[in-house]
Structure formats: structure tokens, C-alpha cells
Amino acid sequence: MLDWLININKDFPDFWKVYLSKFEKKTTRFVVLSTETTGLDYKKDVILAISAFAIVDNTIYIGDSFELVLLQYIYNHDNGLSNEFIIESKQPKSLEPQAIQAFVDYLGNATLVGHRVNFDVEMINVALEKMQCGRLKNEALDIEVMYRKWKELTDSKNFSIEELASLFKIPTTDRISASEDAYTIALLFLKMKSRLGLK
């Protein structure tokens, strides 16, 4: 209970102090998160885009969503990848610090939901560390883990978003984007939440 009080007095940026203060109260809001990154290495790779939808009372709120392309990749990183996605995208664009701050403001104390969500969280934590902030405090649920729990699977088989969507007859498109993944994850989460009897 005192953790956030101790942390809030550290020399953190103001937006981070506001974020920490939100954990005084419980919430029933879920935020479904999907990121696009340049790879799977926390130290070398960067976030290209963040997309998220809010779920409250088993309803996906399209109007309560978050979507940003991070321009910091263009200016600060040179790992031989094409900038075409960033330049041509019509999504709102922002430098990494501003984008991460905006996402934290949007996230608040919601429970995070994702597919292999620990990776997304760690990528955001690495960015937060560069901003002299702490790590995300939000609880997190993973739809792949939820599916394995529901089916009582004990093997090591992994399930992609597309495989899970197919199992639940949720249509997907050939075009892969953070926003489409986030929406599919949201639909899968509601299916899994119901089957596991979660409130």
C-alpha cells in the first residue's frame, strides 16, 4: 500500500507521479495492447507503433482507443530497415518519449491484456527507463496463457494470434498492423474471459 507513496516522492517526471497515484483505486477497465517493433531484442530494437483498445463491462470501446506511430525510429536508429511503414502511415506520429508518456496517461491503472504481453511490457519499460521513470505497475493478462489454462494444456506448443482467431472463428485480414492485432486480441480476450469465468 505504501509503495506508490514512497515512489511518488522520488525525482520522477510529473506524468509518472500522476500515473503512480492512480493505483490508490481499483479499476474494472482493461486495456488491450499491441506493439509493432523492429525485432525481439529489448536492448537493440525499438517500438514502431503502439495500439490499444479499452474494455469495460465486456464491451470493446472503439472510441476509447490509442494509436501512435513512433518517429524516434527514423531519427535515432539505423538498423538497415525500411522507413516506408513510418513515412507512409496515416496514423498520428510522435517521438518516443512523448508517445510513451501519452500511452501511460491513457493506460492509467487498467489491467493490461495482450498476446505474449510480457514482451510488449518490457519494451515499454525499457523506454520508460530512458525517461528516468520506474516500470509499469499494471497487472497483465496474456490470451495465449489464458487459452492454455482453459484447455488445460501442458505441452509447449505456442499459438499465434492468427491460430487463436481461427480456433474461435474470428475473421482476420492478411494485413498485419498493431491496431488490427489489438482488436483481434480484444475479441479473443472476451471469448477467453467468458470461458474461464472471469469477471
N, C-alpha and C. Protein backbone atom coordinates (compact mmCIF):
# COMPACT_ATOMS: atom_id res chain seq x y z
N MET A 1 0.82 -1.21 0.00
CA MET A 1 0.00 0.00 0.00
C MET A 1 0.86 1.26 0.00
N LEU A 2 2.01 1.20 0.69
CA LEU A 2 2.87 2.38 0.80
C LEU A 2 3.82 2.52 -0.38
N ASP A 3 3.92 1.48 -1.24
CA ASP A 3 4.88 1.52 -2.35
C ASP A 3 4.72 2.75 -3.21
N TRP A 4 3.47 3.03 -3.61
CA TRP A 4 3.27 4.17 -4.50
C TRP A 4 3.58 5.49 -3.80
N LEU A 5 3.34 5.55 -2.46
CA LEU A 5 3.66 6.77 -1.72
C LEU A 5 5.16 7.02 -1.68
N ILE A 6 5.91 5.92 -1.50
CA ILE A 6 7.37 6.03 -1.49
C ILE A 6 7.87 6.44 -2.86
N ASN A 7 7.35 5.75 -3.89
CA ASN A 7 7.81 6.02 -5.26
C ASN A 7 7.44 7.42 -5.73
N ILE A 8 6.28 7.92 -5.28
CA ILE A 8 5.80 9.19 -5.79
C ILE A 8 6.69 10.35 -5.34
N ASN A 9 7.44 10.14 -4.27
CA ASN A 9 8.31 11.19 -3.77
C ASN A 9 9.69 11.19 -4.43
N LYS A 10 9.96 10.19 -5.25
CA LYS A 10 11.24 10.18 -5.96
C LYS A 10 11.24 11.27 -7.02
N ASP A 11 12.39 11.51 -7.60
CA ASP A 11 12.51 12.58 -8.59
C ASP A 11 12.07 12.08 -9.96
N PHE A 12 10.81 11.69 -10.06
CA PHE A 12 10.24 11.22 -11.31
C PHE A 12 9.62 12.40 -12.06
N PRO A 13 9.44 12.26 -13.39
CA PRO A 13 8.67 13.27 -14.14
C PRO A 13 7.24 13.34 -13.59
N ASP A 14 6.61 14.48 -13.75
CA ASP A 14 5.27 14.69 -13.19
C ASP A 14 4.25 13.68 -13.70
N PHE A 15 4.31 13.36 -15.00
CA PHE A 15 3.32 12.44 -15.55
C PHE A 15 3.42 11.07 -14.88
N TRP A 16 4.65 10.68 -14.48
CA TRP A 16 4.83 9.38 -13.84
C TRP A 16 4.28 9.40 -12.42
N LYS A 17 4.42 10.52 -11.74
CA LYS A 17 3.84 10.65 -10.39
C LYS A 17 2.31 10.55 -10.46
N VAL A 18 1.73 11.17 -11.47
CA VAL A 18 0.27 11.09 -11.65
C VAL A 18 -0.13 9.64 -11.91
N TYR A 19 0.63 8.96 -12.77
CA TYR A 19 0.36 7.54 -13.07
C TYR A 19 0.39 6.70 -11.80
N LEU A 20 1.42 6.86 -10.98
CA LEU A 20 1.54 6.07 -9.75
C LEU A 20 0.38 6.33 -8.79
N SER A 21 -0.10 7.57 -8.77
CA SER A 21 -1.18 7.92 -7.84
C SER A 21 -2.49 7.23 -8.21
N LYS A 22 -2.63 6.80 -9.46
CA LYS A 22 -3.89 6.18 -9.91
C LYS A 22 -4.10 4.80 -9.31
N PHE A 23 -3.06 4.21 -8.73
CA PHE A 23 -3.18 2.86 -8.19
C PHE A 23 -3.75 2.83 -6.77
N GLU A 24 -4.15 3.99 -6.27
CA GLU A 24 -4.86 4.04 -4.98
C GLU A 24 -6.21 3.33 -5.10
N LYS A 25 -6.80 3.39 -6.29
CA LYS A 25 -8.13 2.83 -6.51
C LYS A 25 -8.07 1.64 -7.45
N LYS A 26 -9.00 0.71 -7.28
CA LYS A 26 -9.14 -0.43 -8.20
C LYS A 26 -9.90 0.03 -9.43
N THR A 27 -9.73 -0.70 -10.52
CA THR A 27 -10.47 -0.37 -11.73
C THR A 27 -11.01 -1.64 -12.36
N THR A 28 -12.06 -1.50 -13.14
CA THR A 28 -12.60 -2.63 -13.89
C THR A 28 -12.27 -2.48 -15.38
N ARG A 29 -11.42 -1.52 -15.69
CA ARG A 29 -11.05 -1.24 -17.08
C ARG A 29 -9.87 -2.12 -17.50
N PHE A 30 -9.99 -2.71 -18.69
CA PHE A 30 -8.89 -3.44 -19.31
C PHE A 30 -8.38 -2.64 -20.50
N VAL A 31 -7.09 -2.68 -20.74
CA VAL A 31 -6.52 -2.08 -21.95
C VAL A 31 -5.80 -3.17 -22.73
N VAL A 32 -6.29 -3.40 -23.94
CA VAL A 32 -5.71 -4.42 -24.82
C VAL A 32 -4.61 -3.76 -25.63
N LEU A 33 -3.41 -4.29 -25.53
CA LEU A 33 -2.22 -3.66 -26.10
C LEU A 33 -1.60 -4.51 -27.20
N SER A 34 -1.18 -3.84 -28.27
CA SER A 34 -0.34 -4.48 -29.29
C SER A 34 0.71 -3.47 -29.74
N THR A 35 1.94 -3.95 -29.88
CA THR A 35 3.00 -3.08 -30.39
C THR A 35 3.61 -3.68 -31.65
N GLU A 36 4.15 -2.82 -32.49
CA GLU A 36 4.99 -3.27 -33.60
C GLU A 36 6.40 -2.83 -33.27
N THR A 37 7.35 -3.74 -33.41
CA THR A 37 8.74 -3.44 -33.08
C THR A 37 9.66 -3.85 -34.22
N THR A 38 10.91 -3.40 -34.15
CA THR A 38 11.88 -3.75 -35.18
C THR A 38 12.45 -5.15 -34.98
N GLY A 39 12.14 -5.78 -33.86
CA GLY A 39 12.65 -7.12 -33.59
C GLY A 39 12.31 -7.53 -32.17
N LEU A 40 13.00 -8.55 -31.67
CA LEU A 40 12.66 -9.12 -30.37
C LEU A 40 13.75 -8.92 -29.32
N ASP A 41 14.66 -7.98 -29.57
CA ASP A 41 15.75 -7.71 -28.63
C ASP A 41 15.44 -6.41 -27.88
N TYR A 42 15.21 -6.50 -26.58
CA TYR A 42 14.85 -5.32 -25.80
C TYR A 42 15.89 -4.21 -25.88
N LYS A 43 17.17 -4.60 -25.97
CA LYS A 43 18.24 -3.61 -25.92
C LYS A 43 18.48 -2.93 -27.26
N LYS A 44 18.36 -3.69 -28.36
CA LYS A 44 18.68 -3.12 -29.68
C LYS A 44 17.46 -2.63 -30.44
N ASP A 45 16.32 -3.30 -30.27
CA ASP A 45 15.15 -2.98 -31.08
C ASP A 45 14.30 -1.89 -30.44
N VAL A 46 13.43 -1.32 -31.25
CA VAL A 46 12.60 -0.20 -30.79
C VAL A 46 11.14 -0.43 -31.19
N ILE A 47 10.28 0.32 -30.54
CA ILE A 47 8.85 0.26 -30.85
C ILE A 47 8.56 1.13 -32.06
N LEU A 48 7.86 0.57 -33.03
CA LEU A 48 7.44 1.32 -34.21
C LEU A 48 6.04 1.90 -34.04
N ALA A 49 5.16 1.15 -33.38
CA ALA A 49 3.78 1.61 -33.21
C ALA A 49 3.18 0.98 -31.96
N ILE A 50 2.26 1.72 -31.35
CA ILE A 50 1.51 1.23 -30.20
C ILE A 50 0.03 1.40 -30.53
N SER A 51 -0.74 0.35 -30.29
CA SER A 51 -2.18 0.44 -30.48
C SER A 51 -2.87 -0.23 -29.30
N ALA A 52 -3.98 0.35 -28.86
CA ALA A 52 -4.69 -0.22 -27.71
C ALA A 52 -6.17 0.13 -27.77
N PHE A 53 -6.98 -0.76 -27.20
CA PHE A 53 -8.41 -0.54 -27.04
C PHE A 53 -8.78 -0.78 -25.58
N ALA A 54 -9.77 -0.05 -25.09
CA ALA A 54 -10.26 -0.25 -23.74
C ALA A 54 -11.45 -1.19 -23.75
N ILE A 55 -11.53 -2.02 -22.71
CA ILE A 55 -12.68 -2.89 -22.50
C ILE A 55 -13.22 -2.62 -21.09
N VAL A 56 -14.51 -2.32 -21.03
CA VAL A 56 -15.19 -2.13 -19.75
C VAL A 56 -16.52 -2.88 -19.83
N ASP A 57 -16.83 -3.64 -18.80
CA ASP A 57 -18.09 -4.40 -18.75
C ASP A 57 -18.29 -5.25 -20.00
N ASN A 58 -17.23 -5.94 -20.39
CA ASN A 58 -17.28 -6.87 -21.54
C ASN A 58 -17.62 -6.19 -22.86
N THR A 59 -17.34 -4.90 -22.95
CA THR A 59 -17.59 -4.15 -24.18
C THR A 59 -16.29 -3.50 -24.64
N ILE A 60 -15.97 -3.68 -25.92
CA ILE A 60 -14.80 -3.02 -26.50
C ILE A 60 -15.22 -1.60 -26.89
N TYR A 61 -14.54 -0.61 -26.35
CA TYR A 61 -14.87 0.78 -26.65
C TYR A 61 -13.93 1.32 -27.72
N ILE A 62 -14.42 1.32 -28.95
CA ILE A 62 -13.60 1.80 -30.07
C ILE A 62 -13.22 3.26 -29.87
N GLY A 63 -14.14 4.03 -29.28
CA GLY A 63 -13.86 5.45 -29.04
C GLY A 63 -12.83 5.68 -27.96
N ASP A 64 -12.61 4.68 -27.11
CA ASP A 64 -11.60 4.76 -26.05
C ASP A 64 -10.41 3.93 -26.50
N SER A 65 -9.68 4.48 -27.46
CA SER A 65 -8.56 3.73 -28.05
C SER A 65 -7.32 4.61 -28.11
N PHE A 66 -6.21 3.97 -28.44
CA PHE A 66 -4.92 4.67 -28.50
C PHE A 66 -4.16 4.14 -29.70
N GLU A 67 -3.61 5.05 -30.50
CA GLU A 67 -2.83 4.60 -31.66
C GLU A 67 -1.80 5.66 -32.02
N LEU A 68 -0.54 5.26 -32.01
CA LEU A 68 0.54 6.18 -32.37
C LEU A 68 1.65 5.43 -33.10
N VAL A 69 2.22 6.08 -34.09
CA VAL A 69 3.46 5.63 -34.72
C VAL A 69 4.59 6.42 -34.09
N LEU A 70 5.68 5.73 -33.74
CA LEU A 70 6.80 6.38 -33.06
C LEU A 70 7.86 6.80 -34.07
N LEU A 71 8.07 8.11 -34.17
CA LEU A 71 9.04 8.65 -35.12
C LEU A 71 10.48 8.50 -34.66
N GLN A 72 10.70 8.20 -33.40
CA GLN A 72 12.07 8.10 -32.89
C GLN A 72 12.90 7.10 -33.67
N TYR A 73 12.26 6.11 -34.27
CA TYR A 73 13.00 5.11 -35.06
C TYR A 73 13.72 5.75 -36.22
N ILE A 74 13.06 6.69 -36.88
CA ILE A 74 13.65 7.36 -38.05
C ILE A 74 14.91 8.11 -37.65
N TYR A 75 14.83 8.85 -36.55
CA TYR A 75 15.91 9.76 -36.20
C TYR A 75 17.03 9.13 -35.38
N ASN A 76 16.68 8.18 -34.53
CA ASN A 76 17.66 7.70 -33.56
C ASN A 76 18.23 6.32 -33.84
N HIS A 77 17.68 5.60 -34.81
CA HIS A 77 18.10 4.23 -35.01
C HIS A 77 18.40 3.97 -36.48
N ASP A 78 19.47 3.25 -36.71
CA ASP A 78 19.83 2.87 -38.07
C ASP A 78 20.19 1.39 -38.07
N ASN A 79 19.19 0.55 -38.25
CA ASN A 79 19.48 -0.88 -38.31
C ASN A 79 19.10 -1.48 -39.66
N GLY A 80 19.17 -0.65 -40.69
CA GLY A 80 19.03 -1.15 -42.05
C GLY A 80 17.62 -1.47 -42.48
N LEU A 81 16.62 -1.14 -41.66
CA LEU A 81 15.24 -1.45 -42.03
C LEU A 81 14.61 -0.27 -42.76
N SER A 82 13.64 -0.59 -43.59
CA SER A 82 12.97 0.45 -44.37
C SER A 82 12.13 1.34 -43.48
N ASN A 83 12.11 2.63 -43.79
CA ASN A 83 11.26 3.58 -43.07
C ASN A 83 9.90 3.75 -43.74
N GLU A 84 9.63 2.96 -44.75
CA GLU A 84 8.41 3.12 -45.53
C GLU A 84 7.15 3.07 -44.66
N PHE A 85 7.11 2.13 -43.72
CA PHE A 85 5.95 1.99 -42.84
C PHE A 85 5.69 3.29 -42.09
N ILE A 86 6.74 3.86 -41.54
CA ILE A 86 6.61 5.07 -40.73
C ILE A 86 6.21 6.27 -41.58
N ILE A 87 6.89 6.45 -42.70
CA ILE A 87 6.69 7.63 -43.52
C ILE A 87 5.29 7.65 -44.14
N GLU A 88 4.83 6.50 -44.63
CA GLU A 88 3.57 6.45 -45.36
C GLU A 88 2.36 6.29 -44.46
N SER A 89 2.56 5.87 -43.22
CA SER A 89 1.43 5.65 -42.33
C SER A 89 0.67 6.95 -42.09
N LYS A 90 -0.66 6.83 -42.07
CA LYS A 90 -1.51 8.00 -41.80
C LYS A 90 -1.86 8.12 -40.32
N GLN A 91 -1.32 7.21 -39.50
CA GLN A 91 -1.57 7.27 -38.06
C GLN A 91 -0.88 8.49 -37.47
N PRO A 92 -1.38 8.98 -36.32
CA PRO A 92 -0.67 10.07 -35.61
C PRO A 92 0.75 9.62 -35.28
N LYS A 93 1.70 10.56 -35.35
CA LYS A 93 3.10 10.22 -35.12
C LYS A 93 3.66 11.04 -33.96
N SER A 94 4.62 10.45 -33.26
CA SER A 94 5.20 11.13 -32.11
C SER A 94 6.59 10.57 -31.84
N LEU A 95 7.45 11.37 -31.23
CA LEU A 95 8.75 10.88 -30.78
C LEU A 95 8.54 9.94 -29.59
N GLU A 96 9.51 9.06 -29.36
CA GLU A 96 9.33 8.03 -28.34
C GLU A 96 8.93 8.56 -26.96
N PRO A 97 9.63 9.54 -26.39
CA PRO A 97 9.25 9.99 -25.04
C PRO A 97 7.81 10.49 -24.96
N GLN A 98 7.40 11.28 -25.95
CA GLN A 98 6.04 11.81 -25.96
C GLN A 98 5.01 10.68 -26.16
N ALA A 99 5.36 9.71 -27.01
CA ALA A 99 4.44 8.59 -27.26
C ALA A 99 4.28 7.73 -26.02
N ILE A 100 5.37 7.43 -25.34
CA ILE A 100 5.30 6.60 -24.14
C ILE A 100 4.53 7.33 -23.04
N GLN A 101 4.78 8.63 -22.88
CA GLN A 101 4.03 9.40 -21.88
C GLN A 101 2.54 9.38 -22.21
N ALA A 102 2.20 9.58 -23.47
CA ALA A 102 0.78 9.58 -23.88
C ALA A 102 0.14 8.22 -23.60
N PHE A 103 0.89 7.14 -23.85
CA PHE A 103 0.35 5.81 -23.59
C PHE A 103 0.14 5.58 -22.09
N VAL A 104 1.10 5.97 -21.29
CA VAL A 104 0.98 5.81 -19.83
C VAL A 104 -0.22 6.61 -19.30
N ASP A 105 -0.41 7.83 -19.83
CA ASP A 105 -1.57 8.64 -19.45
C ASP A 105 -2.87 7.92 -19.81
N TYR A 106 -2.89 7.31 -21.00
CA TYR A 106 -4.07 6.58 -21.47
C TYR A 106 -4.30 5.31 -20.65
N LEU A 107 -3.24 4.61 -20.34
CA LEU A 107 -3.32 3.33 -19.65
C LEU A 107 -3.86 3.46 -18.23
N GLY A 108 -3.34 4.41 -17.49
CA GLY A 108 -3.75 4.55 -16.09
C GLY A 108 -3.51 3.27 -15.31
N ASN A 109 -4.47 2.90 -14.48
CA ASN A 109 -4.31 1.71 -13.63
C ASN A 109 -5.04 0.49 -14.20
N ALA A 110 -5.37 0.53 -15.49
CA ALA A 110 -6.09 -0.58 -16.12
C ALA A 110 -5.27 -1.86 -16.10
N THR A 111 -5.96 -2.99 -16.21
CA THR A 111 -5.28 -4.27 -16.38
C THR A 111 -4.91 -4.42 -17.85
N LEU A 112 -3.65 -4.69 -18.11
CA LEU A 112 -3.18 -4.87 -19.50
C LEU A 112 -3.55 -6.25 -20.01
N VAL A 113 -3.87 -6.32 -21.31
CA VAL A 113 -4.16 -7.59 -21.96
C VAL A 113 -3.38 -7.62 -23.27
N GLY A 114 -2.78 -8.77 -23.59
CA GLY A 114 -2.05 -8.85 -24.85
C GLY A 114 -1.76 -10.30 -25.23
N HIS A 115 -1.07 -10.42 -26.35
CA HIS A 115 -0.59 -11.72 -26.81
C HIS A 115 0.92 -11.71 -26.60
N ARG A 116 1.41 -12.58 -25.72
CA ARG A 116 2.81 -12.53 -25.28
C ARG A 116 3.10 -11.12 -24.75
N VAL A 117 2.21 -10.68 -23.88
CA VAL A 117 2.18 -9.30 -23.39
C VAL A 117 3.44 -8.92 -22.62
N ASN A 118 4.14 -9.90 -22.04
CA ASN A 118 5.36 -9.58 -21.29
C ASN A 118 6.39 -8.89 -22.17
N PHE A 119 6.43 -9.26 -23.46
CA PHE A 119 7.36 -8.62 -24.39
C PHE A 119 6.99 -7.16 -24.59
N ASP A 120 5.70 -6.90 -24.84
CA ASP A 120 5.25 -5.51 -25.03
C ASP A 120 5.56 -4.66 -23.80
N VAL A 121 5.28 -5.23 -22.63
CA VAL A 121 5.52 -4.51 -21.38
C VAL A 121 7.00 -4.21 -21.20
N GLU A 122 7.85 -5.18 -21.53
CA GLU A 122 9.29 -4.97 -21.35
C GLU A 122 9.82 -3.90 -22.32
N MET A 123 9.31 -3.90 -23.54
CA MET A 123 9.73 -2.85 -24.49
C MET A 123 9.35 -1.47 -23.97
N ILE A 124 8.16 -1.34 -23.40
CA ILE A 124 7.73 -0.06 -22.83
C ILE A 124 8.57 0.28 -21.60
N ASN A 125 8.88 -0.73 -20.78
CA ASN A 125 9.71 -0.48 -19.59
C ASN A 125 11.10 0.02 -19.96
N VAL A 126 11.67 -0.51 -21.04
CA VAL A 126 12.98 -0.04 -21.49
C VAL A 126 12.91 1.43 -21.89
N ALA A 127 11.83 1.80 -22.59
CA ALA A 127 11.64 3.21 -22.96
C ALA A 127 11.44 4.08 -21.73
N LEU A 128 10.69 3.59 -20.76
CA LEU A 128 10.46 4.35 -19.52
C LEU A 128 11.76 4.56 -18.73
N GLU A 129 12.61 3.55 -18.75
CA GLU A 129 13.90 3.66 -18.05
C GLU A 129 14.72 4.81 -18.61
N LYS A 130 14.66 4.99 -19.93
CA LYS A 130 15.40 6.09 -20.57
C LYS A 130 14.83 7.45 -20.17
N MET A 131 13.58 7.45 -19.69
CA MET A 131 12.90 8.68 -19.30
C MET A 131 13.00 8.91 -17.79
N GLN A 132 13.85 8.13 -17.10
CA GLN A 132 14.04 8.24 -15.64
C GLN A 132 12.76 7.92 -14.88
N CYS A 133 12.00 6.95 -15.39
CA CYS A 133 10.78 6.50 -14.72
C CYS A 133 10.98 5.09 -14.19
N GLY A 134 9.99 4.60 -13.45
CA GLY A 134 10.02 3.22 -12.99
C GLY A 134 9.43 2.30 -14.05
N ARG A 135 9.03 1.11 -13.63
CA ARG A 135 8.44 0.12 -14.52
C ARG A 135 6.92 0.15 -14.37
N LEU A 136 6.22 -0.27 -15.41
CA LEU A 136 4.76 -0.33 -15.35
C LEU A 136 4.32 -1.18 -14.16
N LYS A 137 3.29 -0.73 -13.46
CA LYS A 137 2.77 -1.42 -12.28
C LYS A 137 1.51 -2.23 -12.59
N ASN A 138 0.99 -2.11 -13.78
CA ASN A 138 -0.29 -2.73 -14.12
C ASN A 138 -0.23 -4.25 -14.10
N GLU A 139 -1.32 -4.86 -13.64
CA GLU A 139 -1.46 -6.30 -13.80
C GLU A 139 -1.58 -6.59 -15.29
N ALA A 140 -1.18 -7.80 -15.72
CA ALA A 140 -1.22 -8.14 -17.14
C ALA A 140 -1.78 -9.54 -17.34
N LEU A 141 -2.61 -9.69 -18.35
CA LEU A 141 -3.17 -10.99 -18.74
C LEU A 141 -2.75 -11.30 -20.16
N ASP A 142 -2.44 -12.56 -20.43
CA ASP A 142 -1.98 -12.97 -21.75
C ASP A 142 -2.99 -13.95 -22.35
N ILE A 143 -3.49 -13.66 -23.54
CA ILE A 143 -4.53 -14.52 -24.12
C ILE A 143 -4.01 -15.91 -24.46
N GLU A 144 -2.73 -16.03 -24.78
CA GLU A 144 -2.16 -17.35 -25.06
C GLU A 144 -2.14 -18.19 -23.78
N VAL A 145 -1.75 -17.58 -22.68
CA VAL A 145 -1.73 -18.26 -21.38
C VAL A 145 -3.16 -18.62 -20.97
N MET A 146 -4.09 -17.70 -21.20
CA MET A 146 -5.49 -17.96 -20.86
C MET A 146 -6.04 -19.14 -21.66
N TYR A 147 -5.68 -19.21 -22.93
CA TYR A 147 -6.15 -20.32 -23.76
C TYR A 147 -5.59 -21.65 -23.26
N ARG A 148 -4.31 -21.65 -22.93
CA ARG A 148 -3.68 -22.87 -22.44
C ARG A 148 -4.31 -23.31 -21.11
N LYS A 149 -4.65 -22.33 -20.27
CA LYS A 149 -5.28 -22.65 -18.99
C LYS A 149 -6.68 -23.22 -19.22
N TRP A 150 -7.44 -22.61 -20.11
CA TRP A 150 -8.79 -23.09 -20.40
C TRP A 150 -8.78 -24.52 -20.94
N LYS A 151 -7.83 -24.80 -21.85
CA LYS A 151 -7.73 -26.12 -22.46
C LYS A 151 -6.92 -27.10 -21.61
N GLU A 152 -6.36 -26.59 -20.50
CA GLU A 152 -5.53 -27.41 -19.61
C GLU A 152 -4.39 -28.09 -20.36
N LEU A 153 -3.72 -27.29 -21.18
CA LEU A 153 -2.61 -27.81 -21.99
C LEU A 153 -1.33 -27.83 -21.16
N THR A 154 -0.57 -28.88 -21.31
CA THR A 154 0.69 -28.99 -20.58
C THR A 154 1.90 -29.06 -21.52
N ASP A 155 1.65 -29.14 -22.84
CA ASP A 155 2.78 -29.19 -23.78
C ASP A 155 3.33 -27.78 -23.99
N SER A 156 4.34 -27.65 -24.83
CA SER A 156 4.99 -26.35 -25.03
C SER A 156 4.57 -25.67 -26.34
N LYS A 157 3.50 -26.13 -26.95
CA LYS A 157 3.05 -25.54 -28.22
C LYS A 157 2.66 -24.09 -28.03
N ASN A 158 3.12 -23.26 -28.96
CA ASN A 158 2.75 -21.85 -28.97
C ASN A 158 1.60 -21.61 -29.94
N PHE A 159 0.83 -20.57 -29.68
CA PHE A 159 -0.30 -20.23 -30.53
C PHE A 159 -0.19 -18.78 -30.97
N SER A 160 -0.13 -18.57 -32.28
CA SER A 160 -0.10 -17.20 -32.80
C SER A 160 -1.48 -16.58 -32.66
N ILE A 161 -1.56 -15.27 -32.85
CA ILE A 161 -2.86 -14.59 -32.83
C ILE A 161 -3.77 -15.17 -33.90
N GLU A 162 -3.19 -15.42 -35.08
CA GLU A 162 -3.99 -15.96 -36.19
C GLU A 162 -4.52 -17.35 -35.87
N GLU A 163 -3.70 -18.18 -35.23
CA GLU A 163 -4.16 -19.53 -34.85
C GLU A 163 -5.28 -19.47 -33.83
N LEU A 164 -5.14 -18.61 -32.84
CA LEU A 164 -6.18 -18.47 -31.83
C LEU A 164 -7.46 -17.92 -32.45
N ALA A 165 -7.32 -16.95 -33.34
CA ALA A 165 -8.50 -16.38 -34.01
C ALA A 165 -9.21 -17.46 -34.82
N SER A 166 -8.45 -18.29 -35.50
CA SER A 166 -9.03 -19.37 -36.30
C SER A 166 -9.78 -20.37 -35.42
N LEU A 167 -9.22 -20.69 -34.26
CA LEU A 167 -9.86 -21.62 -33.35
C LEU A 167 -11.22 -21.11 -32.85
N PHE A 168 -11.33 -19.78 -32.77
CA PHE A 168 -12.59 -19.18 -32.31
C PHE A 168 -13.42 -18.60 -33.46
N LYS A 169 -13.00 -18.93 -34.69
CA LYS A 169 -13.72 -18.47 -35.89
C LYS A 169 -13.86 -16.94 -35.94
N ILE A 170 -12.80 -16.26 -35.53
CA ILE A 170 -12.76 -14.80 -35.62
C ILE A 170 -12.03 -14.45 -36.91
N PRO A 171 -12.66 -13.72 -37.84
CA PRO A 171 -12.01 -13.41 -39.12
C PRO A 171 -10.82 -12.46 -38.93
N THR A 172 -9.77 -12.69 -39.69
CA THR A 172 -8.61 -11.80 -39.70
C THR A 172 -8.28 -11.44 -41.14
N THR A 173 -7.47 -10.40 -41.32
CA THR A 173 -7.07 -9.99 -42.66
C THR A 173 -5.60 -10.33 -42.87
N ASP A 174 -5.16 -10.28 -44.12
CA ASP A 174 -3.75 -10.56 -44.43
C ASP A 174 -2.86 -9.42 -43.97
N ARG A 175 -3.42 -8.23 -43.86
CA ARG A 175 -2.64 -7.06 -43.46
C ARG A 175 -2.42 -7.09 -41.94
N ILE A 176 -1.15 -7.10 -41.54
CA ILE A 176 -0.83 -7.15 -40.12
C ILE A 176 -0.51 -5.73 -39.64
N SER A 177 -1.21 -5.27 -38.63
CA SER A 177 -0.91 -3.97 -38.04
C SER A 177 -1.20 -4.05 -36.55
N ALA A 178 -0.63 -3.13 -35.80
CA ALA A 178 -0.83 -3.14 -34.34
C ALA A 178 -2.30 -2.97 -34.00
N SER A 179 -3.01 -2.10 -34.73
CA SER A 179 -4.41 -1.84 -34.41
C SER A 179 -5.28 -3.06 -34.71
N GLU A 180 -5.04 -3.73 -35.83
CA GLU A 180 -5.83 -4.93 -36.15
C GLU A 180 -5.53 -6.06 -35.17
N ASP A 181 -4.25 -6.19 -34.80
CA ASP A 181 -3.89 -7.20 -33.80
C ASP A 181 -4.57 -6.90 -32.47
N ALA A 182 -4.55 -5.62 -32.06
CA ALA A 182 -5.15 -5.25 -30.78
C ALA A 182 -6.64 -5.57 -30.77
N TYR A 183 -7.33 -5.29 -31.88
CA TYR A 183 -8.77 -5.56 -31.93
C TYR A 183 -9.04 -7.07 -31.88
N THR A 184 -8.23 -7.85 -32.61
CA THR A 184 -8.39 -9.31 -32.58
C THR A 184 -8.11 -9.85 -31.18
N ILE A 185 -7.07 -9.33 -30.53
CA ILE A 185 -6.75 -9.75 -29.16
C ILE A 185 -7.91 -9.41 -28.22
N ALA A 186 -8.53 -8.25 -28.42
CA ALA A 186 -9.68 -7.86 -27.59
C ALA A 186 -10.83 -8.85 -27.73
N LEU A 187 -11.12 -9.25 -28.97
CA LEU A 187 -12.19 -10.23 -29.21
C LEU A 187 -11.84 -11.57 -28.57
N LEU A 188 -10.59 -11.99 -28.71
CA LEU A 188 -10.15 -13.26 -28.12
C LEU A 188 -10.22 -13.20 -26.59
N PHE A 189 -9.84 -12.07 -26.04
CA PHE A 189 -9.87 -11.91 -24.59
C PHE A 189 -11.29 -12.07 -24.05
N LEU A 190 -12.27 -11.47 -24.72
CA LEU A 190 -13.65 -11.59 -24.26
C LEU A 190 -14.13 -13.03 -24.33
N LYS A 191 -13.71 -13.76 -25.39
CA LYS A 191 -14.07 -15.18 -25.50
C LYS A 191 -13.45 -15.98 -24.35
N MET A 192 -12.16 -15.75 -24.11
CA MET A 192 -11.44 -16.50 -23.09
C MET A 192 -11.92 -16.14 -21.68
N LYS A 193 -12.17 -14.87 -21.48
CA LYS A 193 -12.66 -14.38 -20.18
C LYS A 193 -13.97 -15.08 -19.81
N SER A 194 -14.85 -15.22 -20.79
CA SER A 194 -16.13 -15.89 -20.58
C SER A 194 -15.93 -17.36 -20.24
N ARG A 195 -15.07 -18.02 -21.00
CA ARG A 195 -14.85 -19.44 -20.80
C ARG A 195 -14.17 -19.77 -19.47
N LEU A 196 -13.34 -18.84 -19.01
CA LEU A 196 -12.66 -19.06 -17.73
C LEU A 196 -13.47 -18.55 -16.55
N GLY A 197 -14.61 -17.94 -16.84
CA GLY A 197 -15.48 -17.43 -15.77
C GLY A 197 -14.90 -16.26 -15.02
N LEU A 198 -14.09 -15.42 -15.71
CA LEU A 198 -13.50 -14.25 -15.06
C LEU A 198 -14.46 -13.07 -15.10
N LYS A 199 -14.41 -12.24 -14.06
CA LYS A 199 -15.28 -11.06 -14.03
C LYS A 199 -14.50 -9.84 -14.46
